[in-house]
Amino acid sequence: MSEQDPSKLKVRYENTTAVYANQIVLSANREDLILDFSSGAVPDPSTGDPILPVHTRVALSWAGAARLRSLLDKALERQEGGE
């Protein structure tokens, strides 16, 4: 995909569902950063031990993770009244 003018890029949402997550498991290697999202710990039906069911996994390149960090920083600054 070649570089495109961001002002001409249209976002189309398909098959999207918002799922709440208050637990994140982060894994990383040389190439990727992987975020596993969960709504929280629940008891395992067979043992009663707590388990963390992951409902969504997002894998990012390190460049993508850096862009995400920048966007999250800006959003948090706005939320906290920094802008």
Protein backbone atom coordinates (compact mmCIF):
# COMPACT_ATOMS: atom_id res chain seq x y z
CA MET A 1 0.00 0.00 0.00
CA SER A 2 1.49 3.30 -1.04
CA GLU A 3 1.51 6.44 1.08
CA GLN A 4 -1.83 8.21 0.90
CA ASP A 5 -3.09 11.62 1.86
CA PRO A 6 -4.60 11.08 5.36
CA SER A 7 -7.24 13.72 4.67
CA LYS A 8 -8.65 11.50 1.89
CA LEU A 9 -8.71 8.33 3.99
CA LYS A 10 -12.21 7.22 4.95
CA VAL A 11 -12.74 4.88 7.89
CA ARG A 12 -15.29 2.14 7.37
CA TYR A 13 -16.39 0.13 10.40
CA GLU A 14 -17.37 -3.45 9.62
CA ASN A 15 -18.19 -6.20 12.07
CA THR A 16 -17.27 -4.07 15.06
CA THR A 17 -18.38 -4.82 18.57
CA ALA A 18 -17.32 -2.90 21.65
CA VAL A 19 -16.18 -5.22 24.43
CA TYR A 20 -15.21 -3.87 27.83
CA ALA A 21 -11.75 -4.78 29.09
CA ASN A 22 -10.22 -3.86 32.41
CA GLN A 23 -7.36 -6.38 32.28
CA ILE A 24 -4.56 -6.36 29.70
CA VAL A 25 -1.76 -8.90 29.32
CA LEU A 26 1.19 -7.53 27.36
CA SER A 27 3.67 -9.77 25.54
CA ALA A 28 6.57 -8.63 23.41
CA ASN A 29 9.30 -9.97 21.19
CA ARG A 30 11.72 -8.35 18.76
CA GLU A 31 9.10 -7.86 16.05
CA ASP A 32 5.76 -7.44 17.81
CA LEU A 33 3.91 -6.13 20.80
CA ILE A 34 0.85 -8.24 21.65
CA LEU A 35 -2.01 -7.02 23.82
CA ASP A 36 -4.51 -9.57 25.17
CA PHE A 37 -7.69 -8.02 26.58
CA SER A 38 -10.00 -9.51 29.21
CA SER A 39 -13.03 -8.33 31.15
CA GLY A 40 -11.51 -9.74 34.34
CA ALA A 41 -10.87 -12.90 36.27
CA VAL A 42 -13.61 -15.48 36.69
CA PRO A 43 -13.65 -18.84 38.44
CA ASP A 44 -12.83 -21.87 36.31
CA PRO A 45 -16.04 -23.94 36.19
CA SER A 46 -14.21 -27.23 36.77
CA THR A 47 -11.71 -26.22 39.45
CA GLY A 48 -12.92 -22.94 40.90
CA ASP A 49 -9.45 -21.48 40.35
CA PRO A 50 -9.39 -17.95 38.95
CA ILE A 51 -8.77 -17.69 35.20
CA LEU A 52 -8.44 -14.67 32.94
CA PRO A 53 -10.42 -15.31 29.75
CA VAL A 54 -9.00 -13.32 26.84
CA HIS A 55 -11.64 -12.08 24.41
CA THR A 56 -9.49 -9.94 22.11
CA ARG A 57 -5.88 -10.03 20.92
CA VAL A 58 -4.19 -7.15 19.12
CA ALA A 59 -0.71 -7.55 17.63
CA LEU A 60 1.23 -4.42 16.71
CA SER A 61 4.57 -3.71 15.12
CA TRP A 62 6.81 -1.58 17.29
CA ALA A 63 6.16 1.39 14.98
CA GLY A 64 2.42 0.82 15.37
CA ALA A 65 2.80 0.57 19.15
CA ALA A 66 4.67 3.89 19.19
CA ARG A 67 1.84 5.55 17.23
CA LEU A 68 -0.71 4.05 19.62
CA ARG A 69 1.27 5.35 22.60
CA SER A 70 1.30 8.84 21.08
CA LEU A 71 -2.46 8.77 20.48
CA LEU A 72 -3.15 7.44 23.99
CA ASP A 73 -0.89 10.12 25.52
CA LYS A 74 -2.83 12.85 23.69
CA ALA A 75 -6.20 11.40 24.70
CA LEU A 76 -5.14 11.10 28.34
CA GLU A 77 -3.83 14.67 28.37
CA ARG A 78 -7.18 15.93 27.07
CA GLN A 79 -9.09 13.82 29.62
CA GLU A 80 -6.93 15.07 32.47
CA GLY A 81 -7.36 18.70 31.39
CA GLY A 82 -3.85 19.12 29.99
CA GLU A 83 -5.12 20.71 26.76
